[in-house]
Amino acid sequence: MDRLVVISPAPTANGDLHLGHLAGPFLAADVCTRYARATGREALYGTGMHFTQNYVVAAAERLGVAPEDLRERSSEQVLRTFAAMGVEIDGFGCLGDRFTALVTGFYERLHRRGLLELRTVAFPYLRSTGEYLMDAYVTGGCPFCLAEGCAGICESCGLPIAPGDLIGPRSTARPDEPLEIREVDILVFPVERYRAQLEEYFARTPMRPGMARLIGSALARPLPDFPITQPASWGIPAPFPEVAGQVFYAHMEGMPWSMFTTALGAERRGAVLSSDDELWRSGAGTTVVYFLGLDATYPFAIVGTALLTALGEHVLPAQYLTNEFYELASEKFSTSRGHVVSGRELATEVPRDLIRFHLCATSPEYQRTDFTREALARVGETRLTGPWNRVAAAVDRWVDRGPLPVSAEARRTAKRMVERFADAYELPRFSLTAAASTLAEQLGRLDRLASSVTEGTAGDLCHQVEVFLRCAAPILIDLAAAALPDTMLPGHPDADTVTPKRLPRLSVTAPPKRPNVAFGASNAPNVAFGASNAPNVAFGASNAPNVAFGASNATNATLGRTGPAGATAR
């Protein structure tokens, strides 16, 4: 079995996804999964919503809504955005009894084996509310890079920040009130104990430059103990008597959550599993790949890998493909400031194939990149819609005149095109920008071929266009669905004849009404290559995707701020 499991860490349930989220891990994971399936490989894509971070509570208080209402609304918004952008999710993991049991069981195994340790840790304490402050509740300077931000994981350098180590800590909600520093006993995981295994693991694991810098920086100093529990009341209760009243730290749900969303995706595709971590077990024939922002790398790649190493029961992820920040007009996306573009809203104005192509072309894989509407319109017209529509018009002139012969040279060129795209899509070198560049490069070549097509070369053009469509299908999902009977790769690059069919056109604007088709439904356009009477392609389902969900009724999770959690304070 050569099963590919693709995971994107769940976004926090404090709002909808904007283009910055989509251009980072989610579109890349979707393209990777689609390509794997097109080549005949079993592939599952899992993500979900992160309900237990206290950012949910902080955002709810700012918006004047109940945290439970915000998390449910956010989940619905995110699902609609995925559907609007054509991001196919197999397993969408949310909070619920099944997930709570998986997290609890994961850490009970570590606890029984003596792999978790009790430590006395300093926390800022707000006397007026009786709360210990962590993550979204407290802000200050990063002790490593000096950037301002919240405790937890530094958004600037990616290293972990213990709340008590912040420079000049202040309450996020009550910045003028003084803070005390109090000590609390919590359970931690001693990451430094696994330094040798981590160094060997990262020495053999392919990494993008940003991740390599982060890993090098982290390993250049002793790896700090990472908290497993926190003295808080929002989260999944930890069942350990020595930390009674505490909850699991939200950042430490990542590995069991990854197993959970994998199980949901497999079950949606018909699998019957004996346990939620079955496909992650050693010997299960699974390759796990993460697509994630650089600021999620430390808890998943360093601490997560160390946790799996400590248990010794599961496969280790084969690769973490990181991304930097995607900006809007040279500034970070900011929902609170209204400096944001929603993928779902943009898809009502612009066909999602154009959006997907542009986000691929400008993906922040190696450095911060930027989105502007002007660039979307200009690049889409000059590199995609213009060339494609000219090529389609040239092919249409040969409809009903086939079958046409395909030369040996055209067959060789088609095979080279497949190889060229594969170099961008295949792991470990996977790259959205390389795929978009190859797409534009090959489309430009076909445009030049179309401009001088003759009766003797018409078959060569039509054949290469069909192969091109198959190669572009992981990105241009609607164009491929309207033009091809299937999107399997490599198709038939060695075919010696081709029967031209009428091709759809690409539009630069979305239609006024989007079809009401369930995402992932089997009644999606399924017509022969270049189907006759094919319409302009500017569509995509606007309702929530048909994915497997984790239940959101969290009867075993204390998700409400009911006062300070139990802790031993000094």
Protein backbone atom coordinates (compact mmCIF):
# COMPACT_ATOMS: atom_id res chain seq x y z
CA MET A 1 0.00 0.00 0.00
CA ASP A 2 1.28 3.45 -0.93
CA ARG A 3 -1.26 5.72 0.70
CA LEU A 4 -0.68 9.48 0.85
CA VAL A 5 -2.17 11.37 3.79
CA VAL A 6 -2.08 15.15 3.38
CA ILE A 7 -2.72 17.31 6.43
CA SER A 8 -3.17 21.06 6.83
CA PRO A 9 -3.33 22.20 10.48
CA ALA A 10 -6.80 23.43 11.35
CA PRO A 11 -7.41 27.18 11.35
CA THR A 12 -8.62 28.72 14.59
CA ALA A 13 -12.41 28.96 14.77
CA ASN A 14 -12.50 32.75 15.07
CA GLY A 15 -13.67 33.72 11.58
CA ASP A 16 -13.67 32.88 7.89
CA LEU A 17 -10.65 32.10 5.72
CA HIS A 18 -9.10 34.92 3.72
CA LEU A 19 -6.82 34.68 0.69
CA GLY A 20 -3.77 34.60 2.94
CA HIS A 21 -4.94 31.30 4.40
CA LEU A 22 -5.83 29.84 1.01
CA ALA A 23 -2.61 30.86 -0.74
CA GLY A 24 -0.64 29.16 2.01
CA PRO A 25 -1.36 25.57 3.06
CA PHE A 26 -4.90 24.85 1.90
CA LEU A 27 -4.69 25.32 -1.86
CA ALA A 28 -1.29 23.61 -1.96
CA ALA A 29 -2.63 20.59 -0.08
CA ASP A 30 -5.64 20.39 -2.42
CA VAL A 31 -3.46 20.52 -5.55
CA CYS A 32 -1.08 17.90 -4.13
CA THR A 33 -3.95 15.55 -3.27
CA ARG A 34 -5.65 15.99 -6.65
CA TYR A 35 -2.42 15.24 -8.49
CA ALA A 36 -1.76 12.12 -6.41
CA ARG A 37 -5.23 10.76 -7.18
CA ALA A 38 -4.87 11.63 -10.87
CA THR A 39 -1.79 9.40 -11.01
CA GLY A 40 -3.69 6.51 -9.40
CA ARG A 41 -2.41 6.85 -5.85
CA GLU A 42 -4.73 6.54 -2.86
CA ALA A 43 -4.76 9.96 -1.18
CA LEU A 44 -6.64 11.55 1.73
CA TYR A 45 -6.75 15.23 2.62
CA GLY A 46 -7.64 16.25 6.15
CA THR A 47 -8.08 19.54 7.92
CA GLY A 48 -10.79 20.97 10.17
CA MET A 49 -11.33 23.68 12.77
CA HIS A 50 -9.40 24.33 15.96
CA PHE A 51 -12.03 24.98 18.61
CA THR A 52 -9.95 24.88 21.79
CA GLN A 53 -7.49 27.75 21.32
CA ASN A 54 -8.28 30.67 23.60
CA TYR A 55 -8.14 32.91 20.53
CA VAL A 56 -11.73 31.76 20.01
CA VAL A 57 -12.74 33.17 23.39
CA ALA A 58 -10.78 36.39 22.86
CA ALA A 59 -12.38 36.97 19.45
CA ALA A 60 -15.85 36.17 20.80
CA GLU A 61 -15.46 38.71 23.58
CA ARG A 62 -14.32 41.33 21.07
CA LEU A 63 -17.32 40.59 18.83
CA GLY A 64 -19.82 40.35 21.68
CA VAL A 65 -20.91 36.78 20.89
CA ALA A 66 -20.74 33.48 22.72
CA PRO A 67 -17.58 31.46 21.97
CA GLU A 68 -19.68 28.41 21.08
CA ASP A 69 -21.65 30.46 18.56
CA LEU A 70 -18.48 31.88 17.04
CA ARG A 71 -16.86 28.50 16.59
CA GLU A 72 -19.93 27.03 14.90
CA ARG A 73 -20.37 30.06 12.64
CA SER A 74 -16.67 30.03 11.73
CA SER A 75 -16.79 26.35 10.86
CA GLU A 76 -19.72 26.90 8.52
CA GLN A 77 -18.00 29.89 6.88
CA VAL A 78 -14.78 27.98 6.35
CA LEU A 79 -16.59 25.03 4.77
CA ARG A 80 -18.38 27.38 2.37
CA THR A 81 -15.10 29.05 1.46
CA PHE A 82 -13.43 25.70 0.77
CA ALA A 83 -16.37 24.77 -1.45
CA ALA A 84 -16.32 28.10 -3.30
CA MET A 85 -12.60 27.70 -4.01
CA GLY A 86 -12.82 24.03 -4.97
CA VAL A 87 -10.71 22.79 -2.06
CA GLU A 88 -11.81 19.17 -1.57
CA ILE A 89 -11.64 17.98 2.02
CA ASP A 90 -12.02 14.30 2.91
CA GLY A 91 -11.94 14.56 6.70
CA PHE A 92 -12.94 17.78 8.47
CA GLY A 93 -12.05 17.33 12.12
CA CYS A 94 -13.87 19.31 14.80
CA LEU A 95 -14.30 18.96 18.53
CA GLY A 96 -16.51 16.15 19.82
CA ASP A 97 -16.58 13.11 22.04
CA ARG A 98 -14.63 10.95 19.59
CA PHE A 99 -11.89 13.53 19.18
CA THR A 100 -11.77 14.23 22.91
CA ALA A 101 -11.31 10.52 23.60
CA LEU A 102 -8.51 10.28 21.04
CA VAL A 103 -6.60 13.23 22.53
CA THR A 104 -7.08 11.92 26.06
CA GLY A 105 -5.99 8.39 25.13
CA PHE A 106 -2.91 9.67 23.29
CA TYR A 107 -1.62 11.49 26.37
CA GLU A 108 -2.73 8.80 28.81
CA ARG A 109 -0.37 6.41 27.00
CA LEU A 110 2.48 8.87 27.38
CA HIS A 111 1.54 9.48 31.01
CA ARG A 112 1.40 5.76 31.88
CA ARG A 113 4.88 5.28 30.46
CA GLY A 114 6.28 8.11 32.55
CA LEU A 115 7.03 10.25 29.49
CA LEU A 116 5.30 13.37 30.84
CA GLU A 117 6.80 15.28 33.75
CA LEU A 118 5.48 17.69 36.36
CA ARG A 119 7.13 21.12 36.25
CA THR A 120 6.67 24.38 38.11
CA VAL A 121 6.09 27.09 35.52
CA ALA A 122 5.60 30.86 35.82
CA PHE A 123 2.43 32.46 34.42
CA PRO A 124 1.23 36.05 34.34
CA TYR A 125 -1.78 36.29 36.63
CA LEU A 126 -4.63 38.82 36.46
CA ARG A 127 -5.94 39.37 39.96
CA SER A 128 -9.21 41.05 38.91
CA THR A 129 -10.40 37.96 37.03
CA GLY A 130 -8.45 35.29 38.87
CA GLU A 131 -6.99 33.99 35.60
CA TYR A 132 -3.61 32.73 34.54
CA LEU A 133 -2.83 34.28 31.17
CA MET A 134 -1.46 32.41 28.16
CA ASP A 135 -1.54 32.68 24.38
CA ALA A 136 -4.25 35.13 23.22
CA TYR A 137 -4.78 36.50 26.74
CA VAL A 138 -1.31 37.98 27.16
CA THR A 139 0.98 40.00 24.90
CA GLY A 140 4.52 41.30 25.12
CA GLY A 141 7.94 41.03 23.52
CA CYS A 142 9.37 37.78 22.18
CA PRO A 143 12.47 36.86 24.21
CA PHE A 144 14.15 35.57 21.03
CA CYS A 145 13.41 38.04 18.22
CA LEU A 146 11.94 40.92 20.32
CA ALA A 147 8.84 41.16 18.11
CA GLU A 148 5.58 42.13 19.83
CA GLY A 149 2.96 39.42 20.00
CA CYS A 150 1.09 36.93 22.12
CA ALA A 151 2.49 34.05 24.13
CA GLY A 152 2.55 30.55 22.64
CA ILE A 153 4.33 30.50 19.28
CA CYS A 154 5.96 33.70 18.04
CA GLU A 155 4.36 34.74 14.77
CA SER A 156 7.61 36.38 13.71
CA CYS A 157 10.39 33.88 14.47
CA GLY A 158 8.28 30.74 15.01
CA LEU A 159 9.87 29.80 18.35
CA PRO A 160 7.84 28.93 21.46
CA ILE A 161 7.25 31.65 24.04
CA ALA A 162 6.32 30.62 27.57
CA PRO A 163 3.87 33.17 29.02
CA GLY A 164 6.21 33.89 31.91
CA ASP A 165 9.08 34.66 29.51
CA LEU A 166 7.36 37.50 27.64
CA ILE A 167 9.12 40.85 27.83
CA GLY A 168 6.82 43.36 29.47
CA PRO A 169 3.72 41.12 29.58
CA ARG A 170 0.31 42.82 29.43
CA SER A 171 -3.23 41.49 29.54
CA THR A 172 -4.70 41.62 26.06
CA ALA A 173 -8.18 42.43 27.34
CA ARG A 174 -7.11 44.68 30.25
CA PRO A 175 -3.75 46.15 29.27
CA ASP A 176 -3.80 48.82 32.00
CA GLU A 177 -4.19 46.38 34.88
CA PRO A 178 -1.00 45.17 36.58
CA LEU A 179 -0.04 41.52 36.33
CA GLU A 180 1.49 39.26 38.93
CA ILE A 181 3.80 36.37 38.14
CA ARG A 182 2.69 33.19 39.85
CA GLU A 183 4.02 29.66 39.65
CA VAL A 184 1.85 26.68 38.76
CA ASP A 185 2.55 22.96 38.48
CA ILE A 186 1.72 21.70 34.97
CA LEU A 187 2.55 18.59 32.96
CA VAL A 188 5.17 19.05 30.26
CA PHE A 189 6.85 16.97 27.60
CA PRO A 190 10.68 17.03 27.83
CA VAL A 191 11.52 17.65 24.16
CA GLU A 192 15.28 17.96 24.76
CA ARG A 193 15.38 14.27 25.73
CA TYR A 194 14.76 13.45 22.05
CA ARG A 195 17.38 15.79 20.58
CA ALA A 196 19.46 13.03 18.99
CA GLN A 197 16.45 11.51 17.24
CA LEU A 198 15.24 14.93 16.10
CA GLU A 199 18.64 15.89 14.69
CA GLU A 200 18.79 12.63 12.75
CA TYR A 201 15.21 13.05 11.54
CA PHE A 202 15.68 16.60 10.27
CA ALA A 203 19.00 15.70 8.65
CA ARG A 204 17.14 13.34 6.30
CA THR A 205 13.89 15.32 5.91
CA PRO A 206 13.58 17.76 2.98
CA MET A 207 12.82 21.31 4.10
CA ARG A 208 12.22 24.68 2.52
CA PRO A 209 14.68 27.42 3.55
CA GLY A 210 12.37 29.07 6.08
CA MET A 211 11.81 25.82 7.94
CA ALA A 212 15.50 24.95 7.77
CA ARG A 213 16.33 28.28 9.44
CA LEU A 214 13.72 27.71 12.13
CA ILE A 215 14.89 24.15 12.86
CA GLY A 216 18.51 25.29 12.96
CA SER A 217 17.64 28.12 15.34
CA ALA A 218 15.65 25.80 17.61
CA LEU A 219 18.36 23.14 17.74
CA ALA A 220 21.07 25.71 18.41
CA ARG A 221 19.86 25.98 22.02
CA PRO A 222 18.38 23.53 24.53
CA LEU A 223 14.87 22.55 23.49
CA PRO A 224 12.47 23.77 26.19
CA ASP A 225 9.94 21.55 27.89
CA PHE A 226 6.65 21.96 26.06
CA PRO A 227 3.43 22.30 28.08
CA ILE A 228 0.91 19.50 27.85
CA THR A 229 -1.58 21.00 30.30
CA GLN A 230 -2.49 24.59 31.19
CA PRO A 231 -4.27 26.20 34.17
CA ALA A 232 -7.28 27.28 32.11
CA SER A 233 -10.94 26.41 31.73
CA TRP A 234 -11.35 26.54 27.91
CA GLY A 235 -10.28 23.26 26.40
CA ILE A 236 -10.34 19.50 26.80
CA PRO A 237 -10.07 18.51 30.49
CA ALA A 238 -6.87 16.66 31.40
CA PRO A 239 -7.66 13.54 33.51
CA PHE A 240 -4.45 13.54 35.55
CA PRO A 241 -4.85 14.04 39.33
CA GLU A 242 -1.61 15.96 39.79
CA VAL A 243 -2.99 18.75 37.56
CA ALA A 244 -6.64 18.58 38.59
CA GLY A 245 -8.82 21.18 36.89
CA GLN A 246 -6.39 21.86 34.04
CA VAL A 247 -6.95 21.36 30.32
CA PHE A 248 -4.78 20.03 27.53
CA TYR A 249 -2.78 22.79 25.87
CA ALA A 250 -4.43 23.46 22.51
CA HIS A 251 -1.12 23.34 20.60
CA MET A 252 -0.63 19.78 21.78
CA GLU A 253 -3.78 18.40 20.16
CA GLY A 254 -2.08 18.43 16.76
CA MET A 255 -0.90 14.85 16.40
CA PRO A 256 -4.02 13.07 17.68
CA TRP A 257 -6.13 15.56 15.68
CA SER A 258 -4.16 14.62 12.54
CA MET A 259 -4.97 10.96 13.15
CA PHE A 260 -8.62 11.86 13.75
CA THR A 261 -9.07 13.79 10.52
CA THR A 262 -7.29 10.99 8.63
CA ALA A 263 -9.74 8.46 10.03
CA LEU A 264 -12.71 10.65 9.09
CA GLY A 265 -11.42 10.98 5.53
CA ALA A 266 -10.79 7.27 5.17
CA GLU A 267 -14.26 6.42 6.46
CA ARG A 268 -15.83 8.86 4.03
CA ARG A 269 -14.12 6.93 1.25
CA GLY A 270 -15.46 3.61 2.51
CA ALA A 271 -12.79 2.36 4.91
CA VAL A 272 -13.73 0.47 8.07
CA LEU A 273 -11.06 1.12 10.69
CA SER A 274 -10.31 -0.75 13.89
CA SER A 275 -8.98 2.41 15.57
CA ASP A 276 -8.72 6.11 14.80
CA ASP A 277 -4.94 5.91 14.53
CA GLU A 278 -4.90 2.76 12.36
CA LEU A 279 -3.63 4.47 9.21
CA TRP A 280 -0.85 6.17 11.20
CA ARG A 281 0.44 2.93 12.68
CA SER A 282 3.88 1.74 11.67
CA GLY A 283 3.55 -0.70 8.81
CA ALA A 284 0.19 0.72 7.61
CA GLY A 285 1.72 1.79 4.29
CA THR A 286 0.97 5.47 4.84
CA THR A 287 3.10 8.46 3.88
CA VAL A 288 2.15 11.60 5.81
CA VAL A 289 2.84 15.07 4.43
CA TYR A 290 1.96 18.38 6.09
CA PHE A 291 1.26 21.70 4.41
CA LEU A 292 1.44 24.45 7.01
CA GLY A 293 2.40 28.00 7.79
CA LEU A 294 5.86 28.55 9.21
CA ASP A 295 4.34 29.67 12.52
CA ALA A 296 2.79 26.20 12.99
CA THR A 297 6.07 24.38 12.37
CA TYR A 298 7.43 24.17 15.92
CA PRO A 299 4.47 22.40 17.59
CA PHE A 300 3.91 20.02 14.67
CA ALA A 301 7.38 19.33 13.26
CA ILE A 302 9.50 19.52 16.40
CA VAL A 303 7.25 18.67 19.32
CA GLY A 304 4.89 16.47 17.28
CA THR A 305 7.75 14.42 15.85
CA ALA A 306 9.26 14.05 19.31
CA LEU A 307 5.92 12.84 20.70
CA LEU A 308 5.56 10.22 17.97
CA THR A 309 9.17 9.17 18.54
CA ALA A 310 8.51 8.75 22.26
CA LEU A 311 5.49 6.50 21.66
CA GLY A 312 7.25 4.53 18.93
CA GLU A 313 3.96 3.27 17.46
CA HIS A 314 3.36 5.51 14.45
CA VAL A 315 4.90 6.62 11.19
CA LEU A 316 6.78 9.89 11.24
CA PRO A 317 5.72 12.56 8.73
CA ALA A 318 7.77 12.36 5.55
CA GLN A 319 7.76 16.09 4.91
CA TYR A 320 6.53 19.45 6.13
CA LEU A 321 5.96 21.93 3.31
CA THR A 322 5.91 25.38 4.88
CA ASN A 323 4.86 28.77 3.60
CA GLU A 324 5.56 32.36 4.59
CA PHE A 325 2.92 35.12 4.92
CA TYR A 326 0.73 36.17 2.00
CA GLU A 327 0.04 39.90 2.17
CA LEU A 328 -2.66 42.20 0.81
CA ALA A 329 -1.27 45.34 -0.88
CA SER A 330 2.02 44.92 1.03
CA GLU A 331 0.38 44.63 4.46
CA LYS A 332 -0.66 41.60 6.48
CA PHE A 333 -4.26 40.51 6.14
CA SER A 334 -6.20 41.81 9.15
CA THR A 335 -9.84 40.94 9.75
CA SER A 336 -10.09 43.33 12.70
CA ARG A 337 -8.92 46.26 10.53
CA GLY A 338 -11.03 45.24 7.55
CA HIS A 339 -7.85 44.73 5.50
CA VAL A 340 -8.94 41.41 4.07
CA VAL A 341 -10.24 39.67 0.95
CA SER A 342 -12.37 36.58 1.47
CA GLY A 343 -11.86 33.75 -0.98
CA ARG A 344 -15.59 33.05 -0.96
CA GLU A 345 -16.47 36.66 -1.77
CA LEU A 346 -13.83 36.93 -4.49
CA ALA A 347 -15.17 33.75 -6.11
CA THR A 348 -18.51 35.53 -6.69
CA GLU A 349 -16.66 38.08 -8.82
CA VAL A 350 -13.92 36.06 -10.51
CA PRO A 351 -14.00 32.42 -11.74
CA ARG A 352 -12.29 30.25 -9.20
CA ASP A 353 -9.94 28.74 -11.80
CA LEU A 354 -8.43 32.20 -12.27
CA ILE A 355 -8.15 32.70 -8.53
CA ARG A 356 -6.54 29.29 -8.04
CA PHE A 357 -4.05 29.96 -10.83
CA HIS A 358 -3.13 33.37 -9.44
CA LEU A 359 -2.73 32.11 -5.86
CA CYS A 360 -0.50 29.32 -7.17
CA ALA A 361 1.59 31.77 -9.17
CA THR A 362 2.02 34.08 -6.18
CA SER A 363 2.19 31.44 -3.43
CA PRO A 364 4.46 32.50 -0.52
CA GLU A 365 6.49 29.30 -0.55
CA TYR A 366 9.89 30.88 0.07
CA GLN A 367 9.21 34.51 0.99
CA ARG A 368 6.36 36.88 1.66
CA THR A 369 4.33 37.61 -1.45
CA ASP A 370 1.52 40.00 -2.21
CA PHE A 371 -2.02 40.03 -3.61
CA THR A 372 -3.66 42.88 -5.50
CA ARG A 373 -6.80 42.83 -7.60
CA GLU A 374 -4.98 44.64 -10.39
CA ALA A 375 -2.38 41.87 -10.60
CA LEU A 376 -5.11 39.21 -10.53
CA ALA A 377 -6.82 40.80 -13.52
CA ARG A 378 -3.64 41.53 -15.47
CA VAL A 379 -1.89 38.20 -14.91
CA GLY A 380 -5.09 36.24 -15.45
CA GLU A 381 -5.74 37.86 -18.81
CA THR A 382 -2.19 37.82 -20.18
CA ARG A 383 -1.07 34.41 -18.94
CA LEU A 384 -4.26 32.36 -18.75
CA THR A 385 -7.58 33.48 -20.25
CA GLY A 386 -6.16 35.21 -23.32
CA PRO A 387 -3.82 32.40 -24.43
CA TRP A 388 -6.33 29.66 -23.55
CA ASN A 389 -9.22 31.19 -25.45
CA ARG A 390 -7.03 31.62 -28.55
CA VAL A 391 -5.92 27.99 -28.30
CA ALA A 392 -9.53 26.84 -27.84
CA ALA A 393 -10.63 28.80 -30.90
CA ALA A 394 -7.87 27.20 -32.96
CA VAL A 395 -8.90 23.69 -31.84
CA ASP A 396 -12.57 24.42 -32.56
CA ARG A 397 -11.78 24.96 -36.23
CA TRP A 398 -10.90 21.26 -36.52
CA VAL A 399 -14.03 19.87 -34.83
CA ASP A 400 -15.79 17.19 -36.94
CA ARG A 401 -12.70 16.82 -39.11
CA GLY A 402 -11.03 14.01 -37.19
CA PRO A 403 -9.59 11.67 -36.35
CA LEU A 404 -6.39 13.59 -37.05
CA PRO A 405 -2.90 12.05 -37.11
CA VAL A 406 -0.45 12.85 -34.30
CA SER A 407 3.22 12.94 -35.23
CA ALA A 408 5.94 11.09 -33.33
CA GLU A 409 7.49 14.43 -32.41
CA ALA A 410 4.20 15.65 -30.91
CA ARG A 411 3.93 12.45 -28.87
CA ARG A 412 7.46 12.98 -27.55
CA THR A 413 6.63 16.60 -26.74
CA ALA A 414 3.47 15.54 -24.89
CA LYS A 415 5.46 13.11 -22.75
CA ARG A 416 8.00 15.82 -21.95
CA MET A 417 5.15 18.11 -20.92
CA VAL A 418 3.84 15.47 -18.51
CA GLU A 419 7.34 15.13 -17.05
CA ARG A 420 7.66 18.90 -16.74
CA PHE A 421 4.44 19.17 -14.73
CA ALA A 422 5.37 16.14 -12.65
CA ASP A 423 8.56 17.88 -11.60
CA ALA A 424 6.41 20.61 -10.02
CA TYR A 425 3.72 18.33 -8.54
CA GLU A 426 5.75 15.39 -7.25
CA LEU A 427 6.97 15.20 -3.67
CA PRO A 428 9.38 16.12 -2.23
CA ARG A 429 9.94 19.01 -4.69
CA PHE A 430 6.27 19.99 -4.83
CA SER A 431 5.84 23.67 -5.66
CA LEU A 432 2.71 25.65 -6.52
CA THR A 433 4.73 28.44 -8.10
CA ALA A 434 6.61 25.94 -10.26
CA ALA A 435 3.31 24.33 -11.30
CA ALA A 436 1.77 27.71 -12.20
CA SER A 437 4.91 28.72 -14.07
CA THR A 438 4.88 25.46 -16.03
CA LEU A 439 1.20 25.90 -16.79
CA ALA A 440 1.73 29.41 -18.18
CA GLU A 441 4.89 28.33 -20.03
CA GLN A 442 3.21 25.40 -21.76
CA LEU A 443 0.05 27.36 -22.52
CA GLY A 444 2.15 30.07 -24.11
CA ARG A 445 3.88 27.45 -26.25
CA LEU A 446 0.54 26.03 -27.35
CA ASP A 447 -0.68 29.56 -28.14
CA ARG A 448 2.27 30.05 -30.47
CA LEU A 449 1.64 26.64 -32.07
CA ALA A 450 -2.04 27.50 -32.53
CA SER A 451 -1.24 30.77 -34.28
CA SER A 452 0.33 28.91 -37.20
CA VAL A 453 -1.57 25.62 -37.18
CA THR A 454 -2.08 23.89 -40.51
CA GLU A 455 -3.86 20.78 -41.64
CA GLY A 456 -0.61 18.90 -41.20
CA THR A 457 -0.10 20.09 -37.57
CA ALA A 458 -3.71 20.27 -36.35
CA GLY A 459 -3.57 16.79 -34.83
CA ASP A 460 -0.36 17.67 -33.00
CA LEU A 461 -1.99 20.78 -31.52
CA CYS A 462 -5.20 19.03 -30.45
CA HIS A 463 -3.31 16.13 -28.89
CA GLN A 464 -1.01 18.37 -26.88
CA VAL A 465 -3.93 20.50 -25.71
CA GLU A 466 -5.65 17.43 -24.27
CA VAL A 467 -2.48 16.38 -22.45
CA PHE A 468 -2.04 19.96 -21.22
CA LEU A 469 -5.56 19.97 -19.76
CA ARG A 470 -4.88 16.79 -17.82
CA CYS A 471 -1.67 18.26 -16.44
CA ALA A 472 -3.36 21.54 -15.50
CA ALA A 473 -6.41 19.83 -13.95
CA PRO A 474 -5.20 19.95 -10.31
CA ILE A 475 -5.24 23.76 -10.61
CA LEU A 476 -7.82 24.53 -13.32
CA ILE A 477 -10.46 22.24 -11.89
CA ASP A 478 -13.51 23.64 -13.67
CA LEU A 479 -11.92 23.94 -17.09
CA ALA A 480 -10.72 20.35 -16.88
CA ALA A 481 -14.10 19.09 -15.64
CA ALA A 482 -15.86 20.76 -18.58
CA ALA A 483 -13.38 19.56 -21.19
CA LEU A 484 -12.36 16.04 -20.17
CA PRO A 485 -14.16 12.76 -19.48
CA ASP A 486 -11.72 12.20 -16.62
CA THR A 487 -8.57 13.85 -15.26
CA MET A 488 -6.32 10.82 -14.87
CA LEU A 489 -2.65 11.19 -15.66
CA PRO A 490 -0.81 10.75 -17.90
CA GLY A 491 -3.82 9.99 -20.11
CA HIS A 492 -2.64 8.91 -23.55
CA PRO A 493 0.37 11.02 -24.48
CA ASP A 494 1.46 8.33 -26.95
CA ALA A 495 -1.83 8.31 -28.91
CA ASP A 496 -1.24 8.43 -32.68
CA THR A 497 -4.63 9.98 -33.55
CA VAL A 498 -6.96 12.50 -31.92
CA THR A 499 -10.58 13.49 -32.53
CA PRO A 500 -11.00 17.20 -31.78
CA LYS A 501 -14.00 18.30 -29.74
CA ARG A 502 -15.25 21.78 -29.06
CA LEU A 503 -13.49 23.40 -26.12
CA PRO A 504 -14.91 25.59 -23.35
CA ARG A 505 -13.66 29.15 -22.91
CA LEU A 506 -12.38 30.88 -19.81
CA SER A 507 -14.16 34.00 -18.61
CA VAL A 508 -12.65 36.82 -16.57
CA THR A 509 -15.82 37.35 -14.54
CA ALA A 510 -17.96 34.93 -12.57
CA PRO A 511 -21.54 34.37 -13.74
CA PRO A 512 -24.28 36.18 -11.77
CA LYS A 513 -25.65 32.89 -10.42
CA ARG A 514 -23.53 29.94 -9.38
CA PRO A 515 -24.96 26.42 -9.90
CA ASN A 516 -26.35 24.72 -6.83
CA VAL A 517 -24.25 21.57 -7.03
CA ALA A 518 -23.12 19.75 -3.90
CA PHE A 519 -19.37 19.96 -3.57
CA GLY A 520 -17.79 16.71 -4.56
CA ALA A 521 -21.06 15.54 -6.11
CA SER A 522 -20.94 13.00 -8.90
CA ASN A 523 -23.08 15.16 -11.19
CA ALA A 524 -20.23 17.58 -11.80
CA PRO A 525 -19.56 18.31 -15.49
CA ASN A 526 -18.38 15.05 -17.02
CA VAL A 527 -18.17 15.50 -20.77
CA ALA A 528 -15.82 14.39 -23.48
CA PHE A 529 -12.64 16.34 -24.11
CA GLY A 530 -13.62 19.68 -25.59
CA ALA A 531 -17.34 18.84 -25.36
CA SER A 532 -19.47 20.36 -28.08
CA ASN A 533 -21.59 23.28 -26.96
CA ALA A 534 -19.32 23.64 -23.93
CA PRO A 535 -20.08 26.85 -22.05
CA ASN A 536 -17.67 29.41 -20.73
CA VAL A 537 -16.06 27.94 -17.63
CA ALA A 538 -16.73 30.15 -14.63
CA PHE A 539 -18.52 28.01 -12.12
CA GLY A 540 -18.13 26.10 -8.89
CA ALA A 541 -20.39 24.96 -6.12
CA SER A 542 -21.17 27.56 -3.52
CA ASN A 543 -22.59 25.34 -0.80
CA ALA A 544 -20.67 23.44 1.87
CA PRO A 545 -18.57 20.49 0.71
CA ASN A 546 -19.66 16.91 1.16
CA VAL A 547 -17.01 15.89 3.64
CA ALA A 548 -16.77 13.69 6.69
CA PHE A 549 -17.15 15.72 9.86
CA GLY A 550 -16.10 15.23 13.42
CA ALA A 551 -18.99 15.88 15.75
CA SER A 552 -19.11 19.33 17.29
CA ASN A 553 -21.15 18.40 20.37
CA ALA A 554 -18.39 18.51 22.95
CA THR A 555 -19.94 16.81 25.92
CA ASN A 556 -16.56 15.75 27.28
CA ALA A 557 -14.88 19.12 26.76
CA THR A 558 -15.13 22.07 29.09
CA LEU A 559 -15.44 24.93 26.60
CA GLY A 560 -16.45 27.95 28.57
CA ARG A 561 -14.75 30.40 30.85
CA THR A 562 -16.22 29.51 34.18
CA GLY A 563 -13.50 30.98 36.34
CA PRO A 564 -9.88 30.12 37.07
CA ALA A 565 -8.87 26.55 36.58
CA GLY A 566 -7.58 24.45 39.39
CA ALA A 567 -3.86 24.84 39.93
CA THR A 568 -1.25 24.78 42.63
CA ALA A 569 -0.25 28.45 42.95
CA ARG A 570 2.69 29.78 44.88
